Amino acid sequence: MKIFLASALFLMTCVPGIAADDEATRHANDFATKAALSNLFEIEVANIELSKGKAADAKEFARDMLRDHERAGPLLAEAAKQDGIPIPAELDSEQRQKVEALQTSDPENLDQAYLSTQVTAHQQAVALFDEFVKQGPDGQLKKTAAKILPDLHMHLTRIQALASK
């Protein structure tokens, strides 16, 4: 009976730790997936703006987004790899639909449509990264997210100013 009670007590103390590890892994996986998709989306829509857009300020923002997100992508991928977390290499169907909608946007409204998608995308990215930096499990992914977050804040401030013109 003592062995049974000792075994039960041992399991009761270990199970919460296992559950917490599972939750931390799910949190990191969810973040990594959303961050990678967001980054891929930024690159895709910046290329559309650069090839079809007309407004100089929107095109300048797109050039900067392309540069910054092409740098951030490999950083996130390497951090996720170090933490043993897989990330998607291409857009999911929801993101693909948004890209296609911008791709087929009326040429006269393309710049405004691009800027509008950027406001929403950067609001979501800042919220995602901020939450992960504050509550995500420790690891390389969290450190990298903390390094990228100030750039995302700057992007958001910049795009809000552009979109309100």
C-alpha atoms as a PDB file:
ATOM      1  CA  MET A   1       0.000   0.000   0.000  1.00  0.00           C
ATOM      2  CA  LYS A   2       2.865   2.403   0.811  1.00  0.00           C
ATOM      3  CA  ILE A   3       4.391   1.754  -2.608  1.00  0.00           C
ATOM      4  CA  PHE A   4       1.043   2.472  -4.276  1.00  0.00           C
ATOM      5  CA  LEU A   5       0.616   5.738  -2.356  1.00  0.00           C
ATOM      6  CA  ALA A   6       4.189   6.781  -3.094  1.00  0.00           C
ATOM      7  CA  SER A   7       3.663   6.024  -6.808  1.00  0.00           C
ATOM      8  CA  ALA A   8       0.392   7.950  -6.846  1.00  0.00           C
ATOM      9  CA  LEU A   9       1.985  10.916  -5.119  1.00  0.00           C
ATOM     10  CA  PHE A  10       4.903  10.861  -7.551  1.00  0.00           C
ATOM     11  CA  LEU A  11       2.543  10.844 -10.549  1.00  0.00           C
ATOM     12  CA  MET A  12       0.447  13.661  -9.116  1.00  0.00           C
ATOM     13  CA  THR A  13       3.510  15.862  -8.761  1.00  0.00           C
ATOM     14  CA  CYS A  14       4.861  15.029 -12.235  1.00  0.00           C
ATOM     15  CA  VAL A  15       1.670  15.303 -14.306  1.00  0.00           C
ATOM     16  CA  PRO A  16       1.231  19.070 -13.823  1.00  0.00           C
ATOM     17  CA  GLY A  17       4.808  19.570 -15.032  1.00  0.00           C
ATOM     18  CA  ILE A  18       4.152  17.436 -18.093  1.00  0.00           C
ATOM     19  CA  ALA A  19       0.923  19.320 -18.796  1.00  0.00           C
ATOM     20  CA  ALA A  20       2.748  22.637 -18.426  1.00  0.00           C
ATOM     21  CA  ASP A  21       5.465  21.458 -20.841  1.00  0.00           C
ATOM     22  CA  ASP A  22       2.792  20.425 -23.355  1.00  0.00           C
ATOM     23  CA  GLU A  23       1.089  23.810 -23.024  1.00  0.00           C
ATOM     24  CA  ALA A  24       4.414  25.635 -23.460  1.00  0.00           C
ATOM     25  CA  THR A  25       5.158  23.575 -26.572  1.00  0.00           C
ATOM     26  CA  ARG A  26       1.696  24.295 -27.997  1.00  0.00           C
ATOM     27  CA  HIS A  27       2.146  27.998 -27.259  1.00  0.00           C
ATOM     28  CA  ALA A  28       5.555  28.082 -28.984  1.00  0.00           C
ATOM     29  CA  ASN A  29       4.263  26.076 -31.969  1.00  0.00           C
ATOM     30  CA  ASP A  30       1.252  28.360 -32.349  1.00  0.00           C
ATOM     31  CA  PHE A  31       3.417  31.459 -32.164  1.00  0.00           C
ATOM     32  CA  ALA A  32       6.003  30.110 -34.607  1.00  0.00           C
ATOM     33  CA  THR A  33       3.332  29.175 -37.141  1.00  0.00           C
ATOM     34  CA  LYS A  34       1.537  32.522 -36.940  1.00  0.00           C
ATOM     35  CA  ALA A  35       4.785  34.502 -36.981  1.00  0.00           C
ATOM     36  CA  ALA A  36       6.115  32.608 -40.010  1.00  0.00           C
ATOM     37  CA  LEU A  37       2.828  33.020 -41.896  1.00  0.00           C
ATOM     38  CA  SER A  38       2.738  36.715 -41.052  1.00  0.00           C
ATOM     39  CA  ASN A  39       6.289  37.153 -42.291  1.00  0.00           C
ATOM     40  CA  LEU A  40       5.612  35.280 -45.531  1.00  0.00           C
ATOM     41  CA  PHE A  41       2.470  37.360 -46.065  1.00  0.00           C
ATOM     42  CA  GLU A  42       4.434  40.595 -45.627  1.00  0.00           C
ATOM     43  CA  ILE A  43       6.916  39.546 -48.297  1.00  0.00           C
ATOM     44  CA  GLU A  44       4.202  38.503 -50.757  1.00  0.00           C
ATOM     45  CA  VAL A  45       2.128  41.678 -50.456  1.00  0.00           C
ATOM     46  CA  ALA A  46       5.188  43.937 -50.518  1.00  0.00           C
ATOM     47  CA  ASN A  47       6.152  42.382 -53.851  1.00  0.00           C
ATOM     48  CA  ILE A  48       2.649  43.059 -55.191  1.00  0.00           C
ATOM     49  CA  GLU A  49       2.816  46.705 -54.119  1.00  0.00           C
ATOM     50  CA  LEU A  50       6.255  47.098 -55.646  1.00  0.00           C
ATOM     51  CA  SER A  51       5.194  45.622 -58.975  1.00  0.00           C
ATOM     52  CA  LYS A  52       1.733  47.181 -59.309  1.00  0.00           C
ATOM     53  CA  GLY A  53       1.497  50.107 -56.907  1.00  0.00           C
ATOM     54  CA  LYS A  54       1.628  53.744 -57.933  1.00  0.00           C
ATOM     55  CA  ALA A  55       2.005  55.761 -54.734  1.00  0.00           C
ATOM     56  CA  ALA A  56       5.632  56.542 -53.933  1.00  0.00           C
ATOM     57  CA  ASP A  57       5.139  56.421 -50.152  1.00  0.00           C
ATOM     58  CA  ALA A  58       3.372  53.044 -50.294  1.00  0.00           C
ATOM     59  CA  LYS A  59       6.099  51.649 -52.541  1.00  0.00           C
ATOM     60  CA  GLU A  60       8.804  52.957 -50.197  1.00  0.00           C
ATOM     61  CA  PHE A  61       7.066  51.284 -47.265  1.00  0.00           C
ATOM     62  CA  ALA A  62       6.809  48.047 -49.291  1.00  0.00           C
ATOM     63  CA  ARG A  63      10.559  48.170 -50.073  1.00  0.00           C
ATOM     64  CA  ASP A  64      11.311  48.561 -46.386  1.00  0.00           C
ATOM     65  CA  MET A  65       8.921  45.739 -45.467  1.00  0.00           C
ATOM     66  CA  LEU A  66      10.543  43.460 -48.017  1.00  0.00           C
ATOM     67  CA  ARG A  67      14.000  44.217 -46.634  1.00  0.00           C
ATOM     68  CA  ASP A  68      13.001  43.869 -42.969  1.00  0.00           C
ATOM     69  CA  HIS A  69      10.863  40.750 -43.372  1.00  0.00           C
ATOM     70  CA  GLU A  70      13.403  38.993 -45.562  1.00  0.00           C
ATOM     71  CA  ARG A  71      15.824  39.482 -42.660  1.00  0.00           C
ATOM     72  CA  ALA A  72      13.315  38.474 -39.956  1.00  0.00           C
ATOM     73  CA  GLY A  73      12.228  35.251 -41.668  1.00  0.00           C
ATOM     74  CA  PRO A  74      15.571  33.439 -41.412  1.00  0.00           C
ATOM     75  CA  LEU A  75      16.030  34.680 -37.826  1.00  0.00           C
ATOM     76  CA  LEU A  76      12.667  33.222 -36.827  1.00  0.00           C
ATOM     77  CA  ALA A  77      13.326  30.002 -38.726  1.00  0.00           C
ATOM     78  CA  GLU A  78      16.705  29.497 -37.046  1.00  0.00           C
ATOM     79  CA  ALA A  79      15.295  30.265 -33.587  1.00  0.00           C
ATOM     80  CA  ALA A  80      12.418  27.841 -34.122  1.00  0.00           C
ATOM     81  CA  LYS A  81      14.852  25.189 -35.336  1.00  0.00           C
ATOM     82  CA  GLN A  82      17.015  25.647 -32.242  1.00  0.00           C
ATOM     83  CA  ASP A  83      13.920  25.196 -30.067  1.00  0.00           C
ATOM     84  CA  GLY A  84      12.808  22.142 -32.072  1.00  0.00           C
ATOM     85  CA  ILE A  85       9.704  23.839 -33.462  1.00  0.00           C
ATOM     86  CA  PRO A  86       8.622  23.394 -37.088  1.00  0.00           C
ATOM     87  CA  ILE A  87       7.427  26.383 -39.103  1.00  0.00           C
ATOM     88  CA  PRO A  88       5.503  26.545 -42.369  1.00  0.00           C
ATOM     89  CA  ALA A  89       7.419  27.341 -45.529  1.00  0.00           C
ATOM     90  CA  GLU A  90       4.435  28.666 -47.458  1.00  0.00           C
ATOM     91  CA  LEU A  91       1.217  30.551 -46.864  1.00  0.00           C
ATOM     92  CA  ASP A  92      -1.900  28.817 -45.628  1.00  0.00           C
ATOM     93  CA  SER A  93      -5.167  29.104 -47.567  1.00  0.00           C
ATOM     94  CA  GLU A  94      -6.427  32.089 -45.539  1.00  0.00           C
ATOM     95  CA  GLN A  95      -3.274  34.107 -46.166  1.00  0.00           C
ATOM     96  CA  ARG A  96      -3.168  32.996 -49.806  1.00  0.00           C
ATOM     97  CA  GLN A  97      -6.723  34.346 -50.301  1.00  0.00           C
ATOM     98  CA  LYS A  98      -5.669  37.728 -48.884  1.00  0.00           C
ATOM     99  CA  VAL A  99      -2.693  37.834 -51.236  1.00  0.00           C
ATOM    100  CA  GLU A 100      -4.890  36.933 -54.211  1.00  0.00           C
ATOM    101  CA  ALA A 101      -7.429  39.605 -53.235  1.00  0.00           C
ATOM    102  CA  LEU A 102      -4.682  42.225 -53.246  1.00  0.00           C
ATOM    103  CA  GLN A 103      -3.228  40.820 -56.471  1.00  0.00           C
ATOM    104  CA  THR A 104      -6.588  41.234 -58.229  1.00  0.00           C
ATOM    105  CA  SER A 105      -7.405  44.561 -56.591  1.00  0.00           C
ATOM    106  CA  ASP A 106      -8.508  47.436 -58.809  1.00  0.00           C
ATOM    107  CA  PRO A 107      -5.279  49.240 -59.869  1.00  0.00           C
ATOM    108  CA  GLU A 108      -6.736  52.571 -58.750  1.00  0.00           C
ATOM    109  CA  ASN A 109      -7.290  51.236 -55.217  1.00  0.00           C
ATOM    110  CA  LEU A 110      -4.246  48.980 -54.898  1.00  0.00           C
ATOM    111  CA  ASP A 111      -2.118  51.377 -52.864  1.00  0.00           C
ATOM    112  CA  GLN A 112      -4.893  52.029 -50.366  1.00  0.00           C
ATOM    113  CA  ALA A 113      -5.744  48.315 -50.194  1.00  0.00           C
ATOM    114  CA  TYR A 114      -2.079  47.530 -49.512  1.00  0.00           C
ATOM    115  CA  LEU A 115      -1.834  50.149 -46.778  1.00  0.00           C
ATOM    116  CA  SER A 116      -5.055  48.900 -45.201  1.00  0.00           C
ATOM    117  CA  THR A 117      -3.820  45.301 -45.116  1.00  0.00           C
ATOM    118  CA  GLN A 118      -0.579  46.531 -43.565  1.00  0.00           C
ATOM    119  CA  VAL A 119      -2.338  48.300 -40.692  1.00  0.00           C
ATOM    120  CA  THR A 120      -4.253  45.142 -39.790  1.00  0.00           C
ATOM    121  CA  ALA A 121      -1.291  42.822 -40.358  1.00  0.00           C
ATOM    122  CA  HIS A 122       1.014  44.899 -38.159  1.00  0.00           C
ATOM    123  CA  GLN A 123      -1.562  45.322 -35.399  1.00  0.00           C
ATOM    124  CA  GLN A 124      -1.910  41.539 -35.310  1.00  0.00           C
ATOM    125  CA  ALA A 125       1.856  40.962 -35.489  1.00  0.00           C
ATOM    126  CA  VAL A 126       2.597  43.393 -32.651  1.00  0.00           C
ATOM    127  CA  ALA A 127      -0.074  41.746 -30.477  1.00  0.00           C
ATOM    128  CA  LEU A 128       1.238  38.258 -31.333  1.00  0.00           C
ATOM    129  CA  PHE A 129       4.887  39.058 -30.626  1.00  0.00           C
ATOM    130  CA  ASP A 130       4.127  41.140 -27.545  1.00  0.00           C
ATOM    131  CA  GLU A 131       2.060  38.367 -25.979  1.00  0.00           C
ATOM    132  CA  PHE A 132       4.706  35.747 -26.760  1.00  0.00           C
ATOM    133  CA  VAL A 133       7.539  37.855 -25.373  1.00  0.00           C
ATOM    134  CA  LYS A 134       5.566  38.329 -22.148  1.00  0.00           C
ATOM    135  CA  GLN A 135       4.069  34.846 -21.742  1.00  0.00           C
ATOM    136  CA  GLY A 136       5.853  32.464 -24.083  1.00  0.00           C
ATOM    137  CA  PRO A 137       8.182  29.738 -22.880  1.00  0.00           C
ATOM    138  CA  ASP A 138      11.832  30.646 -22.517  1.00  0.00           C
ATOM    139  CA  GLY A 139      14.030  29.706 -25.445  1.00  0.00           C
ATOM    140  CA  GLN A 140      15.661  31.063 -28.562  1.00  0.00           C
ATOM    141  CA  LEU A 141      12.295  31.781 -30.192  1.00  0.00           C
ATOM    142  CA  LYS A 142      11.292  34.068 -27.326  1.00  0.00           C
ATOM    143  CA  LYS A 143      14.661  35.870 -27.450  1.00  0.00           C
ATOM    144  CA  THR A 144      14.316  36.367 -31.205  1.00  0.00           C
ATOM    145  CA  ALA A 145      10.730  37.580 -30.865  1.00  0.00           C
ATOM    146  CA  ALA A 146      11.942  40.169 -28.350  1.00  0.00           C
ATOM    147  CA  LYS A 147      14.583  41.364 -30.836  1.00  0.00           C
ATOM    148  CA  ILE A 148      12.033  41.676 -33.664  1.00  0.00           C
ATOM    149  CA  LEU A 149       9.247  43.329 -31.641  1.00  0.00           C
ATOM    150  CA  PRO A 150      10.698  46.895 -31.677  1.00  0.00           C
ATOM    151  CA  ASP A 151      10.844  46.781 -35.489  1.00  0.00           C
ATOM    152  CA  LEU A 152       7.213  45.676 -35.609  1.00  0.00           C
ATOM    153  CA  HIS A 153       6.217  48.580 -33.360  1.00  0.00           C
ATOM    154  CA  MET A 154       8.063  50.947 -35.686  1.00  0.00           C
ATOM    155  CA  HIS A 155       6.366  49.403 -38.736  1.00  0.00           C
ATOM    156  CA  LEU A 156       2.957  49.795 -37.098  1.00  0.00           C
ATOM    157  CA  THR A 157       3.555  53.451 -36.202  1.00  0.00           C
ATOM    158  CA  ARG A 158       4.764  54.153 -39.708  1.00  0.00           C
ATOM    159  CA  ILE A 159       1.912  52.380 -41.476  1.00  0.00           C
ATOM    160  CA  GLN A 160      -0.718  54.043 -39.297  1.00  0.00           C
ATOM    161  CA  ALA A 161       0.690  57.436 -40.268  1.00  0.00           C
ATOM    162  CA  LEU A 162       0.728  56.511 -43.960  1.00  0.00           C
ATOM    163  CA  ALA A 163      -2.771  55.065 -43.935  1.00  0.00           C
ATOM    164  CA  SER A 164      -4.224  58.145 -42.250  1.00  0.00           C
ATOM    165  CA  LYS A 165      -2.997  60.531 -44.982  1.00  0.00           C
END
